[in-house]
Amino acid sequence: TSGANGGGPNLAISPEVTSYDYDAPISEAGDTTWKYFQIRDFISKFRKRDLPQVPKNTTKKAYGKVAMKAKKSSTIPAAKEAPGVVHSALPLTLEAARINKGSASYYTSLAGLRG
């Protein structure tokens, strides 16, 4: 789950596909994955009628180059020093950063850019 589905003493959690669930049966784009078909095949063994037709995956397109401008942010330095910040040479998964709820922000410095 994304960690935003509940809270308090009851902690009502419901399943939700999130961007870090790379092994989900349905991708973040809504496309079916190999795991979807494995689950579908398993379910079909217990059904007496046919399953609904699977929708086609969406067509993906390249959008070309995107112009970007350097921008300074006053929030980045403060965020880098916030309690619980994890420093790493490479991006970490939420699990590797020991984050079990909420979200993560990633920051980096790119050489040669001036704001």
PDB file of N, CA and C in Angstrom:
ATOM      1  N   THR A   1       0.840  -1.190   0.000  1.00  0.00           N
ATOM      2  CA  THR A   1       0.000   0.000   0.000  1.00  0.00           C
ATOM      3  C   THR A   1       0.874   1.238   0.000  1.00  0.00           C
ATOM      4  N   SER A   2       0.289   2.361  -0.295  1.00  0.00           N
ATOM      5  CA  SER A   2       1.071   3.595  -0.376  1.00  0.00           C
ATOM      6  C   SER A   2       1.323   4.223   0.981  1.00  0.00           C
ATOM      7  N   GLY A   3       0.695   3.729   2.009  1.00  0.00           N
ATOM      8  CA  GLY A   3       0.871   4.307   3.335  1.00  0.00           C
ATOM      9  C   GLY A   3      -0.105   5.430   3.620  1.00  0.00           C
ATOM     10  N   ALA A   4      -0.908   5.790   2.641  1.00  0.00           N
ATOM     11  CA  ALA A   4      -1.852   6.893   2.824  1.00  0.00           C
ATOM     12  C   ALA A   4      -3.286   6.386   2.892  1.00  0.00           C
ATOM     13  N   ASN A   5      -3.469   5.087   3.082  1.00  0.00           N
ATOM     14  CA  ASN A   5      -4.808   4.511   3.037  1.00  0.00           C
ATOM     15  C   ASN A   5      -5.456   4.366   4.402  1.00  0.00           C
ATOM     16  N   GLY A   6      -4.844   4.803   5.439  1.00  0.00           N
ATOM     17  CA  GLY A   6      -5.462   4.621   6.741  1.00  0.00           C
ATOM     18  C   GLY A   6      -4.630   5.285   7.813  1.00  0.00           C
ATOM     19  N   GLY A   7      -4.981   5.042   9.035  1.00  0.00           N
ATOM     20  CA  GLY A   7      -4.216   5.609  10.128  1.00  0.00           C
ATOM     21  C   GLY A   7      -4.946   5.434  11.432  1.00  0.00           C
ATOM     22  N   GLY A   8      -4.359   5.920  12.476  1.00  0.00           N
ATOM     23  CA  GLY A   8      -4.975   5.802  13.787  1.00  0.00           C
ATOM     24  C   GLY A   8      -4.925   4.380  14.299  1.00  0.00           C
ATOM     25  N   PRO A   9      -5.659   4.106  15.375  1.00  0.00           N
ATOM     26  CA  PRO A   9      -5.579   2.784  15.997  1.00  0.00           C
ATOM     27  C   PRO A   9      -6.161   1.671  15.136  1.00  0.00           C
ATOM     28  N   ASN A  10      -7.105   1.986  14.225  1.00  0.00           N
ATOM     29  CA  ASN A  10      -7.723   0.939  13.409  1.00  0.00           C
ATOM     30  C   ASN A  10      -6.912   0.593  12.170  1.00  0.00           C
ATOM     31  N   LEU A  11      -6.143   1.530  11.662  1.00  0.00           N
ATOM     32  CA  LEU A  11      -5.280   1.348  10.494  1.00  0.00           C
ATOM     33  C   LEU A  11      -5.961   0.550   9.387  1.00  0.00           C
ATOM     34  N   ALA A  12      -7.017   1.110   8.839  1.00  0.00           N
ATOM     35  CA  ALA A  12      -7.751   0.454   7.760  1.00  0.00           C
ATOM     36  C   ALA A  12      -6.942   0.534   6.473  1.00  0.00           C
ATOM     37  N   ILE A  13      -6.320  -0.555   6.091  1.00  0.00           N
ATOM     38  CA  ILE A  13      -5.454  -0.577   4.911  1.00  0.00           C
ATOM     39  C   ILE A  13      -6.151  -1.311   3.780  1.00  0.00           C
ATOM     40  N   SER A  14      -6.077  -0.753   2.578  1.00  0.00           N
ATOM     41  CA  SER A  14      -6.609  -1.414   1.399  1.00  0.00           C
ATOM     42  C   SER A  14      -5.511  -1.477   0.342  1.00  0.00           C
ATOM     43  N   PRO A  15      -5.535  -2.480  -0.547  1.00  0.00           N
ATOM     44  CA  PRO A  15      -4.484  -2.605  -1.554  1.00  0.00           C
ATOM     45  C   PRO A  15      -4.498  -1.439  -2.527  1.00  0.00           C
ATOM     46  N   GLU A  16      -3.336  -1.015  -2.922  1.00  0.00           N
ATOM     47  CA  GLU A  16      -3.206   0.080  -3.878  1.00  0.00           C
ATOM     48  C   GLU A  16      -1.880  -0.081  -4.608  1.00  0.00           C
ATOM     49  N   VAL A  17      -1.917  -0.082  -5.939  1.00  0.00           N
ATOM     50  CA  VAL A  17      -0.689  -0.187  -6.714  1.00  0.00           C
ATOM     51  C   VAL A  17       0.056   1.135  -6.610  1.00  0.00           C
ATOM     52  N   THR A  18       1.343   1.082  -6.313  1.00  0.00           N
ATOM     53  CA  THR A  18       2.142   2.286  -6.179  1.00  0.00           C
ATOM     54  C   THR A  18       3.337   2.222  -7.111  1.00  0.00           C
ATOM     55  N   SER A  19       4.005   3.346  -7.275  1.00  0.00           N
ATOM     56  CA  SER A  19       5.086   3.428  -8.245  1.00  0.00           C
ATOM     57  C   SER A  19       6.272   2.539  -7.918  1.00  0.00           C
ATOM     58  N   TYR A  20       6.419   2.096  -6.666  1.00  0.00           N
ATOM     59  CA  TYR A  20       7.543   1.230  -6.359  1.00  0.00           C
ATOM     60  C   TYR A  20       7.170  -0.242  -6.405  1.00  0.00           C
ATOM     61  N   ASP A  21       5.942  -0.574  -6.821  1.00  0.00           N
ATOM     62  CA  ASP A  21       5.532  -1.974  -6.929  1.00  0.00           C
ATOM     63  C   ASP A  21       5.781  -2.453  -8.358  1.00  0.00           C
ATOM     64  N   TYR A  22       7.033  -2.735  -8.668  1.00  0.00           N
ATOM     65  CA  TYR A  22       7.404  -3.116 -10.027  1.00  0.00           C
ATOM     66  C   TYR A  22       6.965  -4.529 -10.375  1.00  0.00           C
ATOM     67  N   ASP A  23       6.507  -5.290  -9.405  1.00  0.00           N
ATOM     68  CA  ASP A  23       6.096  -6.668  -9.642  1.00  0.00           C
ATOM     69  C   ASP A  23       4.577  -6.810  -9.600  1.00  0.00           C
ATOM     70  N   ALA A  24       3.852  -5.723  -9.846  1.00  0.00           N
ATOM     71  CA  ALA A  24       2.393  -5.738  -9.764  1.00  0.00           C
ATOM     72  C   ALA A  24       1.789  -6.397 -11.010  1.00  0.00           C
ATOM     73  N   PRO A  25       0.589  -6.991 -10.876  1.00  0.00           N
ATOM     74  CA  PRO A  25      -0.055  -7.601 -12.042  1.00  0.00           C
ATOM     75  C   PRO A  25      -0.537  -6.576 -13.070  1.00  0.00           C
ATOM     76  N   ILE A  26      -0.789  -5.354 -12.623  1.00  0.00           N
ATOM     77  CA  ILE A  26      -1.164  -4.277 -13.540  1.00  0.00           C
ATOM     78  C   ILE A  26      -0.164  -3.148 -13.323  1.00  0.00           C
ATOM     79  N   SER A  27       0.445  -2.675 -14.415  1.00  0.00           N
ATOM     80  CA  SER A  27       1.489  -1.657 -14.307  1.00  0.00           C
ATOM     81  C   SER A  27       0.916  -0.307 -13.911  1.00  0.00           C
ATOM     82  N   GLU A  28       1.806   0.612 -13.610  1.00  0.00           N
ATOM     83  CA  GLU A  28       1.388   1.960 -13.242  1.00  0.00           C
ATOM     84  C   GLU A  28       0.634   2.630 -14.393  1.00  0.00           C
ATOM     85  N   ALA A  29       0.941   2.223 -15.619  1.00  0.00           N
ATOM     86  CA  ALA A  29       0.257   2.765 -16.801  1.00  0.00           C
ATOM     87  C   ALA A  29      -1.087   2.067 -17.057  1.00  0.00           C
ATOM     88  N   GLY A  30      -1.409   1.061 -16.231  1.00  0.00           N
ATOM     89  CA  GLY A  30      -2.667   0.344 -16.401  1.00  0.00           C
ATOM     90  C   GLY A  30      -2.560  -0.840 -17.342  1.00  0.00           C
ATOM     91  N   ASP A  31      -1.357  -1.194 -17.761  1.00  0.00           N
ATOM     92  CA  ASP A  31      -1.153  -2.324 -18.667  1.00  0.00           C
ATOM     93  C   ASP A  31      -1.039  -3.628 -17.893  1.00  0.00           C
ATOM     94  N   THR A  32      -1.452  -4.713 -18.527  1.00  0.00           N
ATOM     95  CA  THR A  32      -1.316  -6.027 -17.912  1.00  0.00           C
ATOM     96  C   THR A  32       0.128  -6.493 -18.025  1.00  0.00           C
ATOM     97  N   THR A  33       0.593  -7.212 -17.011  1.00  0.00           N
ATOM     98  CA  THR A  33       1.949  -7.753 -17.004  1.00  0.00           C
ATOM     99  C   THR A  33       1.870  -9.273 -17.040  1.00  0.00           C
ATOM    100  N   TRP A  34       3.007  -9.941 -17.119  1.00  0.00           N
ATOM    101  CA  TRP A  34       3.026 -11.410 -17.125  1.00  0.00           C
ATOM    102  C   TRP A  34       2.361 -11.956 -15.865  1.00  0.00           C
ATOM    103  N   LYS A  35       2.502 -11.241 -14.762  1.00  0.00           N
ATOM    104  CA  LYS A  35       1.918 -11.708 -13.505  1.00  0.00           C
ATOM    105  C   LYS A  35       0.384 -11.680 -13.581  1.00  0.00           C
ATOM    106  N   TYR A  36      -0.180 -10.697 -14.270  1.00  0.00           N
ATOM    107  CA  TYR A  36      -1.627 -10.623 -14.452  1.00  0.00           C
ATOM    108  C   TYR A  36      -2.130 -11.906 -15.103  1.00  0.00           C
ATOM    109  N   PHE A  37      -1.422 -12.349 -16.156  1.00  0.00           N
ATOM    110  CA  PHE A  37      -1.850 -13.545 -16.880  1.00  0.00           C
ATOM    111  C   PHE A  37      -1.643 -14.813 -16.051  1.00  0.00           C
ATOM    112  N   GLN A  38      -0.633 -14.836 -15.208  1.00  0.00           N
ATOM    113  CA  GLN A  38      -0.450 -15.972 -14.303  1.00  0.00           C
ATOM    114  C   GLN A  38      -1.631 -16.065 -13.324  1.00  0.00           C
ATOM    115  N   ILE A  39      -2.026 -14.936 -12.764  1.00  0.00           N
ATOM    116  CA  ILE A  39      -3.158 -14.906 -11.830  1.00  0.00           C
ATOM    117  C   ILE A  39      -4.451 -15.274 -12.556  1.00  0.00           C
ATOM    118  N   ARG A  40      -4.622 -14.730 -13.737  1.00  0.00           N
ATOM    119  CA  ARG A  40      -5.820 -15.005 -14.543  1.00  0.00           C
ATOM    120  C   ARG A  40      -5.923 -16.498 -14.872  1.00  0.00           C
ATOM    121  N   ASP A  41      -4.807 -17.105 -15.269  1.00  0.00           N
ATOM    122  CA  ASP A  41      -4.808 -18.529 -15.582  1.00  0.00           C
ATOM    123  C   ASP A  41      -5.174 -19.356 -14.348  1.00  0.00           C
ATOM    124  N   PHE A  42      -4.652 -18.973 -13.196  1.00  0.00           N
ATOM    125  CA  PHE A  42      -4.951 -19.678 -11.951  1.00  0.00           C
ATOM    126  C   PHE A  42      -6.442 -19.580 -11.616  1.00  0.00           C
ATOM    127  N   ILE A  43      -6.999 -18.371 -11.710  1.00  0.00           N
ATOM    128  CA  ILE A  43      -8.424 -18.165 -11.410  1.00  0.00           C
ATOM    129  C   ILE A  43      -9.302 -18.955 -12.376  1.00  0.00           C
ATOM    130  N   SER A  44      -8.896 -19.013 -13.642  1.00  0.00           N
ATOM    131  CA  SER A  44      -9.719 -19.688 -14.653  1.00  0.00           C
ATOM    132  C   SER A  44      -9.893 -21.175 -14.355  1.00  0.00           C
ATOM    133  N   LYS A  45      -8.981 -21.773 -13.619  1.00  0.00           N
ATOM    134  CA  LYS A  45      -9.083 -23.197 -13.273  1.00  0.00           C
ATOM    135  C   LYS A  45     -10.248 -23.474 -12.325  1.00  0.00           C
ATOM    136  N   PHE A  46     -10.726 -22.447 -11.621  1.00  0.00           N
ATOM    137  CA  PHE A  46     -11.779 -22.620 -10.633  1.00  0.00           C
ATOM    138  C   PHE A  46     -13.118 -22.033 -11.069  1.00  0.00           C
ATOM    139  N   ARG A  47     -13.155 -21.450 -12.248  1.00  0.00           N
ATOM    140  CA  ARG A  47     -14.403 -20.848 -12.750  1.00  0.00           C
ATOM    141  C   ARG A  47     -15.065 -21.781 -13.746  1.00  0.00           C
ATOM    142  N   LYS A  48     -16.387 -21.786 -13.731  1.00  0.00           N
ATOM    143  CA  LYS A  48     -17.124 -22.639 -14.658  1.00  0.00           C
ATOM    144  C   LYS A  48     -17.464 -21.911 -15.951  1.00  0.00           C
ATOM    145  N   ARG A  49     -17.230 -20.625 -15.965  1.00  0.00           N
ATOM    146  CA  ARG A  49     -17.499 -19.853 -17.194  1.00  0.00           C
ATOM    147  C   ARG A  49     -16.254 -19.064 -17.572  1.00  0.00           C
ATOM    148  N   ASP A  50     -16.256 -18.542 -18.785  1.00  0.00           N
ATOM    149  CA  ASP A  50     -15.091 -17.808 -19.290  1.00  0.00           C
ATOM    150  C   ASP A  50     -14.908 -16.493 -18.549  1.00  0.00           C
ATOM    151  N   LEU A  51     -13.662 -16.089 -18.422  1.00  0.00           N
ATOM    152  CA  LEU A  51     -13.346 -14.784 -17.835  1.00  0.00           C
ATOM    153  C   LEU A  51     -13.580 -13.696 -18.883  1.00  0.00           C
ATOM    154  N   PRO A  52     -13.788 -12.453 -18.440  1.00  0.00           N
ATOM    155  CA  PRO A  52     -13.973 -11.362 -19.401  1.00  0.00           C
ATOM    156  C   PRO A  52     -12.723 -11.182 -20.271  1.00  0.00           C
ATOM    157  N   GLN A  53     -12.936 -10.587 -21.426  1.00  0.00           N
ATOM    158  CA  GLN A  53     -11.828 -10.318 -22.340  1.00  0.00           C
ATOM    159  C   GLN A  53     -10.861  -9.312 -21.697  1.00  0.00           C
ATOM    160  N   VAL A  54      -9.568  -9.492 -21.934  1.00  0.00           N
ATOM    161  CA  VAL A  54      -8.542  -8.596 -21.379  1.00  0.00           C
ATOM    162  C   VAL A  54      -8.415  -7.373 -22.287  1.00  0.00           C
ATOM    163  N   PRO A  55      -8.515  -6.160 -21.728  1.00  0.00           N
ATOM    164  CA  PRO A  55      -8.337  -4.955 -22.558  1.00  0.00           C
ATOM    165  C   PRO A  55      -6.919  -4.891 -23.119  1.00  0.00           C
ATOM    166  N   LYS A  56      -6.779  -4.269 -24.269  1.00  0.00           N
ATOM    167  CA  LYS A  56      -5.460  -4.103 -24.877  1.00  0.00           C
ATOM    168  C   LYS A  56      -4.652  -3.087 -24.070  1.00  0.00           C
ATOM    169  N   ASN A  57      -3.342  -3.292 -24.024  1.00  0.00           N
ATOM    170  CA  ASN A  57      -2.454  -2.312 -23.392  1.00  0.00           C
ATOM    171  C   ASN A  57      -2.430  -1.040 -24.226  1.00  0.00           C
ATOM    172  N   THR A  58      -2.173   0.074 -23.576  1.00  0.00           N
ATOM    173  CA  THR A  58      -2.159   1.356 -24.277  1.00  0.00           C
ATOM    174  C   THR A  58      -0.890   1.499 -25.123  1.00  0.00           C
ATOM    175  N   THR A  59      -1.011   2.247 -26.196  1.00  0.00           N
ATOM    176  CA  THR A  59       0.136   2.526 -27.056  1.00  0.00           C
ATOM    177  C   THR A  59       0.985   3.601 -26.397  1.00  0.00           C
ATOM    178  N   LYS A  60       2.273   3.380 -26.352  1.00  0.00           N
ATOM    179  CA  LYS A  60       3.208   4.345 -25.758  1.00  0.00           C
ATOM    180  C   LYS A  60       3.851   5.156 -26.881  1.00  0.00           C
ATOM    181  N   LYS A  61       4.106   6.415 -26.611  1.00  0.00           N
ATOM    182  CA  LYS A  61       4.703   7.298 -27.609  1.00  0.00           C
ATOM    183  C   LYS A  61       5.876   8.047 -27.011  1.00  0.00           C
ATOM    184  N   ALA A  62       6.835   8.349 -27.841  1.00  0.00           N
ATOM    185  CA  ALA A  62       7.943   9.209 -27.427  1.00  0.00           C
ATOM    186  C   ALA A  62       7.495  10.651 -27.623  1.00  0.00           C
ATOM    187  N   TYR A  63       7.715  11.483 -26.643  1.00  0.00           N
ATOM    188  CA  TYR A  63       7.260  12.872 -26.721  1.00  0.00           C
ATOM    189  C   TYR A  63       8.352  13.828 -27.167  1.00  0.00           C
ATOM    190  N   GLY A  64       9.510  13.310 -27.511  1.00  0.00           N
ATOM    191  CA  GLY A  64      10.587  14.171 -27.985  1.00  0.00           C
ATOM    192  C   GLY A  64      11.354  14.809 -26.847  1.00  0.00           C
ATOM    193  N   LYS A  65      12.155  15.804 -27.183  1.00  0.00           N
ATOM    194  CA  LYS A  65      12.993  16.476 -26.195  1.00  0.00           C
ATOM    195  C   LYS A  65      12.177  17.467 -25.377  1.00  0.00           C
ATOM    196  N   VAL A  66      12.573  17.625 -24.136  1.00  0.00           N
ATOM    197  CA  VAL A  66      11.923  18.576 -23.243  1.00  0.00           C
ATOM    198  C   VAL A  66      12.969  19.577 -22.786  1.00  0.00           C
ATOM    199  N   ALA A  67      12.726  20.857 -23.018  1.00  0.00           N
ATOM    200  CA  ALA A  67      13.663  21.895 -22.591  1.00  0.00           C
ATOM    201  C   ALA A  67      13.519  22.103 -21.089  1.00  0.00           C
ATOM    202  N   MET A  68      14.644  22.137 -20.390  1.00  0.00           N
ATOM    203  CA  MET A  68      14.619  22.337 -18.948  1.00  0.00           C
ATOM    204  C   MET A  68      15.508  23.513 -18.586  1.00  0.00           C
ATOM    205  N   LYS A  69      15.100  24.244 -17.570  1.00  0.00           N
ATOM    206  CA  LYS A  69      15.888  25.371 -17.076  1.00  0.00           C
ATOM    207  C   LYS A  69      16.299  25.085 -15.649  1.00  0.00           C
ATOM    208  N   ALA A  70      17.511  25.482 -15.317  1.00  0.00           N
ATOM    209  CA  ALA A  70      17.974  25.318 -13.930  1.00  0.00           C
ATOM    210  C   ALA A  70      17.164  26.246 -13.038  1.00  0.00           C
ATOM    211  N   LYS A  71      16.825  25.763 -11.857  1.00  0.00           N
ATOM    212  CA  LYS A  71      16.033  26.549 -10.927  1.00  0.00           C
ATOM    213  C   LYS A  71      16.552  26.293  -9.522  1.00  0.00           C
ATOM    214  N   LYS A  72      16.669  27.340  -8.761  1.00  0.00           N
ATOM    215  CA  LYS A  72      17.093  27.188  -7.376  1.00  0.00           C
ATOM    216  C   LYS A  72      15.868  27.008  -6.499  1.00  0.00           C
ATOM    217  N   SER A  73      16.032  26.216  -5.475  1.00  0.00           N
ATOM    218  CA  SER A  73      14.945  25.994  -4.538  1.00  0.00           C
ATOM    219  C   SER A  73      15.464  26.176  -3.126  1.00  0.00           C
ATOM    220  N   SER A  74      14.742  26.931  -2.342  1.00  0.00           N
ATOM    221  CA  SER A  74      15.165  27.141  -0.960  1.00  0.00           C
ATOM    222  C   SER A  74      14.785  25.966  -0.077  1.00  0.00           C
ATOM    223  N   THR A  75      13.926  25.045  -0.585  1.00  0.00           N
ATOM    224  CA  THR A  75      13.497  23.918   0.244  1.00  0.00           C
ATOM    225  C   THR A  75      14.496  22.769   0.230  1.00  0.00           C
ATOM    226  N   ILE A  76      15.296  22.658  -0.815  1.00  0.00           N
ATOM    227  CA  ILE A  76      16.215  21.523  -0.909  1.00  0.00           C
ATOM    228  C   ILE A  76      17.252  21.519   0.211  1.00  0.00           C
ATOM    229  N   PRO A  77      17.964  22.606   0.493  1.00  0.00           N
ATOM    230  CA  PRO A  77      18.937  22.537   1.590  1.00  0.00           C
ATOM    231  C   PRO A  77      18.297  22.171   2.926  1.00  0.00           C
ATOM    232  N   ALA A  78      17.123  22.694   3.221  1.00  0.00           N
ATOM    233  CA  ALA A  78      16.452  22.380   4.478  1.00  0.00           C
ATOM    234  C   ALA A  78      16.050  20.903   4.506  1.00  0.00           C
ATOM    235  N   ALA A  79      15.573  20.383   3.390  1.00  0.00           N
ATOM    236  CA  ALA A  79      15.150  18.990   3.335  1.00  0.00           C
ATOM    237  C   ALA A  79      16.334  18.049   3.509  1.00  0.00           C
ATOM    238  N   LYS A  80      17.501  18.438   3.002  1.00  0.00           N
ATOM    239  CA  LYS A  80      18.683  17.583   3.125  1.00  0.00           C
ATOM    240  C   LYS A  80      19.108  17.394   4.577  1.00  0.00           C
ATOM    241  N   GLU A  81      18.736  18.322   5.440  1.00  0.00           N
ATOM    242  CA  GLU A  81      19.141  18.256   6.847  1.00  0.00           C
ATOM    243  C   GLU A  81      17.994  17.858   7.772  1.00  0.00           C
ATOM    244  N   ALA A  82      16.855  17.486   7.213  1.00  0.00           N
ATOM    245  CA  ALA A  82      15.694  17.117   8.027  1.00  0.00           C
ATOM    246  C   ALA A  82      15.968  15.822   8.793  1.00  0.00           C
ATOM    247  N   PRO A  83      15.279  15.615   9.920  1.00  0.00           N
ATOM    248  CA  PRO A  83      15.459  14.371  10.678  1.00  0.00           C
ATOM    249  C   PRO A  83      15.104  13.155   9.821  1.00  0.00           C
ATOM    250  N   GLY A  84      15.877  12.104   9.929  1.00  0.00           N
ATOM    251  CA  GLY A  84      15.600  10.870   9.203  1.00  0.00           C
ATOM    252  C   GLY A  84      16.119  10.831   7.789  1.00  0.00           C
ATOM    253  N   VAL A  85      16.890  11.833   7.371  1.00  0.00           N
ATOM    254  CA  VAL A  85      17.422  11.854   6.014  1.00  0.00           C
ATOM    255  C   VAL A  85      18.433  10.729   5.850  1.00  0.00           C
ATOM    256  N   VAL A  86      18.354  10.039   4.724  1.00  0.00           N
ATOM    257  CA  VAL A  86      19.282   8.964   4.395  1.00  0.00           C
ATOM    258  C   VAL A  86      20.147   9.446   3.236  1.00  0.00           C
ATOM    259  N   HIS A  87      21.454   9.411   3.391  1.00  0.00           N
ATOM    260  CA  HIS A  87      22.372   9.802   2.325  1.00  0.00           C
ATOM    261  C   HIS A  87      22.883   8.543   1.641  1.00  0.00           C
ATOM    262  N   SER A  88      22.870   8.537   0.320  1.00  0.00           N
ATOM    263  CA  SER A  88      23.316   7.373  -0.431  1.00  0.00           C
ATOM    264  C   SER A  88      23.870   7.828  -1.780  1.00  0.00           C
ATOM    265  N   ALA A  89      24.890   7.122  -2.271  1.00  0.00           N
ATOM    266  CA  ALA A  89      25.459   7.439  -3.582  1.00  0.00           C
ATOM    267  C   ALA A  89      24.491   7.075  -4.701  1.00  0.00           C
ATOM    268  N   LEU A  90      23.626   6.105  -4.466  1.00  0.00           N
ATOM    269  CA  LEU A  90      22.651   5.663  -5.461  1.00  0.00           C
ATOM    270  C   LEU A  90      21.250   5.727  -4.862  1.00  0.00           C
ATOM    271  N   PRO A  91      20.209   5.883  -5.689  1.00  0.00           N
ATOM    272  CA  PRO A  91      18.849   5.881  -5.161  1.00  0.00           C
ATOM    273  C   PRO A  91      18.539   4.548  -4.477  1.00  0.00           C
ATOM    274  N   LEU A  92      17.817   4.608  -3.384  1.00  0.00           N
ATOM    275  CA  LEU A  92      17.445   3.415  -2.631  1.00  0.00           C
ATOM    276  C   LEU A  92      15.952   3.143  -2.771  1.00  0.00           C
ATOM    277  N   THR A  93      15.567   1.889  -2.666  1.00  0.00           N
ATOM    278  CA  THR A  93      14.148   1.565  -2.570  1.00  0.00           C
ATOM    279  C   THR A  93      13.659   2.028  -1.201  1.00  0.00           C
ATOM    280  N   LEU A  94      12.356   2.155  -1.040  1.00  0.00           N
ATOM    281  CA  LEU A  94      11.807   2.558   0.262  1.00  0.00           C
ATOM    282  C   LEU A  94      12.203   1.553   1.339  1.00  0.00           C
ATOM    283  N   GLU A  95      12.199   0.282   0.975  1.00  0.00           N
ATOM    284  CA  GLU A  95      12.566  -0.744   1.955  1.00  0.00           C
ATOM    285  C   GLU A  95      14.025  -0.594   2.380  1.00  0.00           C
ATOM    286  N   ALA A  96      14.920  -0.364   1.426  1.00  0.00           N
ATOM    287  CA  ALA A  96      16.339  -0.220   1.745  1.00  0.00           C
ATOM    288  C   ALA A  96      16.591   1.018   2.606  1.00  0.00           C
ATOM    289  N   ALA A  97      15.769   2.056   2.427  1.00  0.00           N
ATOM    290  CA  ALA A  97      15.904   3.269   3.235  1.00  0.00           C
ATOM    291  C   ALA A  97      15.148   3.145   4.558  1.00  0.00           C
ATOM    292  N   ARG A  98      14.554   1.979   4.816  1.00  0.00           N
ATOM    293  CA  ARG A  98      13.795   1.688   6.031  1.00  0.00           C
ATOM    294  C   ARG A  98      12.591   2.623   6.201  1.00  0.00           C
ATOM    295  N   ILE A  99      11.939   2.919   5.070  1.00  0.00           N
ATOM    296  CA  ILE A  99      10.716   3.731   5.076  1.00  0.00           C
ATOM    297  C   ILE A  99       9.551   2.766   4.893  1.00  0.00           C
ATOM    298  N   ASN A 100       8.720   2.620   5.910  1.00  0.00           N
ATOM    299  CA  ASN A 100       7.608   1.679   5.805  1.00  0.00           C
ATOM    300  C   ASN A 100       6.254   2.351   5.604  1.00  0.00           C
ATOM    301  N   LYS A 101       6.240   3.662   5.522  1.00  0.00           N
ATOM    302  CA  LYS A 101       5.002   4.372   5.218  1.00  0.00           C
ATOM    303  C   LYS A 101       5.363   5.757   4.693  1.00  0.00           C
ATOM    304  N   GLY A 102       4.431   6.364   3.980  1.00  0.00           N
ATOM    305  CA  GLY A 102       4.681   7.705   3.454  1.00  0.00           C
ATOM    306  C   GLY A 102       5.370   7.666   2.105  1.00  0.00           C
ATOM    307  N   SER A 103       6.245   8.599   1.867  1.00  0.00           N
ATOM    308  CA  SER A 103       6.921   8.694   0.576  1.00  0.00           C
ATOM    309  C   SER A 103       8.352   9.173   0.785  1.00  0.00           C
ATOM    310  N   ALA A 104       9.103   9.205  -0.302  1.00  0.00           N
ATOM    311  CA  ALA A 104      10.500   9.638  -0.241  1.00  0.00           C
ATOM    312  C   ALA A 104      10.735  10.720  -1.281  1.00  0.00           C
ATOM    313  N   SER A 105      11.633  11.635  -0.982  1.00  0.00           N
ATOM    314  CA  SER A 105      12.079  12.648  -1.941  1.00  0.00           C
ATOM    315  C   SER A 105      13.545  12.382  -2.242  1.00  0.00           C
ATOM    316  N   TYR A 106      13.893  12.444  -3.506  1.00  0.00           N
ATOM    317  CA  TYR A 106      15.268  12.212  -3.916  1.00  0.00           C
ATOM    318  C   TYR A 106      15.862  13.516  -4.433  1.00  0.00           C
ATOM    319  N   TYR A 107      17.080  13.837  -4.008  1.00  0.00           N
ATOM    320  CA  TYR A 107      17.768  15.050  -4.441  1.00  0.00           C
ATOM    321  C   TYR A 107      19.148  14.684  -4.938  1.00  0.00           C
ATOM    322  N   THR A 108      19.622  15.422  -5.924  1.00  0.00           N
ATOM    323  CA  THR A 108      20.985  15.233  -6.418  1.00  0.00           C
ATOM    324  C   THR A 108      21.502  16.567  -6.940  1.00  0.00           C
ATOM    325  N   SER A 109      22.798  16.644  -7.118  1.00  0.00           N
ATOM    326  CA  SER A 109      23.427  17.815  -7.733  1.00  0.00           C
ATOM    327  C   SER A 109      24.002  17.379  -9.070  1.00  0.00           C
ATOM    328  N   LEU A 110      23.754  18.164 -10.087  1.00  0.00           N
ATOM    329  CA  LEU A 110      24.262  17.852 -11.407  1.00  0.00           C
ATOM    330  C   LEU A 110      25.418  18.801 -11.726  1.00  0.00           C
ATOM    331  N   ALA A 111      26.554  18.245 -12.044  1.00  0.00           N
ATOM    332  CA  ALA A 111      27.736  19.044 -12.340  1.00  0.00           C
ATOM    333  C   ALA A 111      27.503  19.876 -13.598  1.00  0.00           C
ATOM    334  N   GLY A 112      27.976  21.110 -13.581  1.00  0.00           N
ATOM    335  CA  GLY A 112      27.903  21.957 -14.764  1.00  0.00           C
ATOM    336  C   GLY A 112      26.642  22.788 -14.874  1.00  0.00           C
ATOM    337  N   LEU A 113      25.687  22.623 -14.009  1.00  0.00           N
ATOM    338  CA  LEU A 113      24.462  23.431 -14.066  1.00  0.00           C
ATOM    339  C   LEU A 113      24.589  24.612 -13.122  1.00  0.00           C
ATOM    340  N   ARG A 114      24.154  25.735 -13.588  1.00  0.00           N
ATOM    341  CA  ARG A 114      24.146  26.942 -12.759  1.00  0.00           C
ATOM    342  C   ARG A 114      22.745  27.504 -12.744  1.00  0.00           C
ATOM    343  N   GLY A 115      22.263  27.911 -11.579  1.00  0.00           N
ATOM    344  CA  GLY A 115      20.907  28.426 -11.470  1.00  0.00           C
ATOM    345  C   GLY A 115      20.866  29.904 -11.308  1.00  0.00           C
TER     346      GLY A 115
END
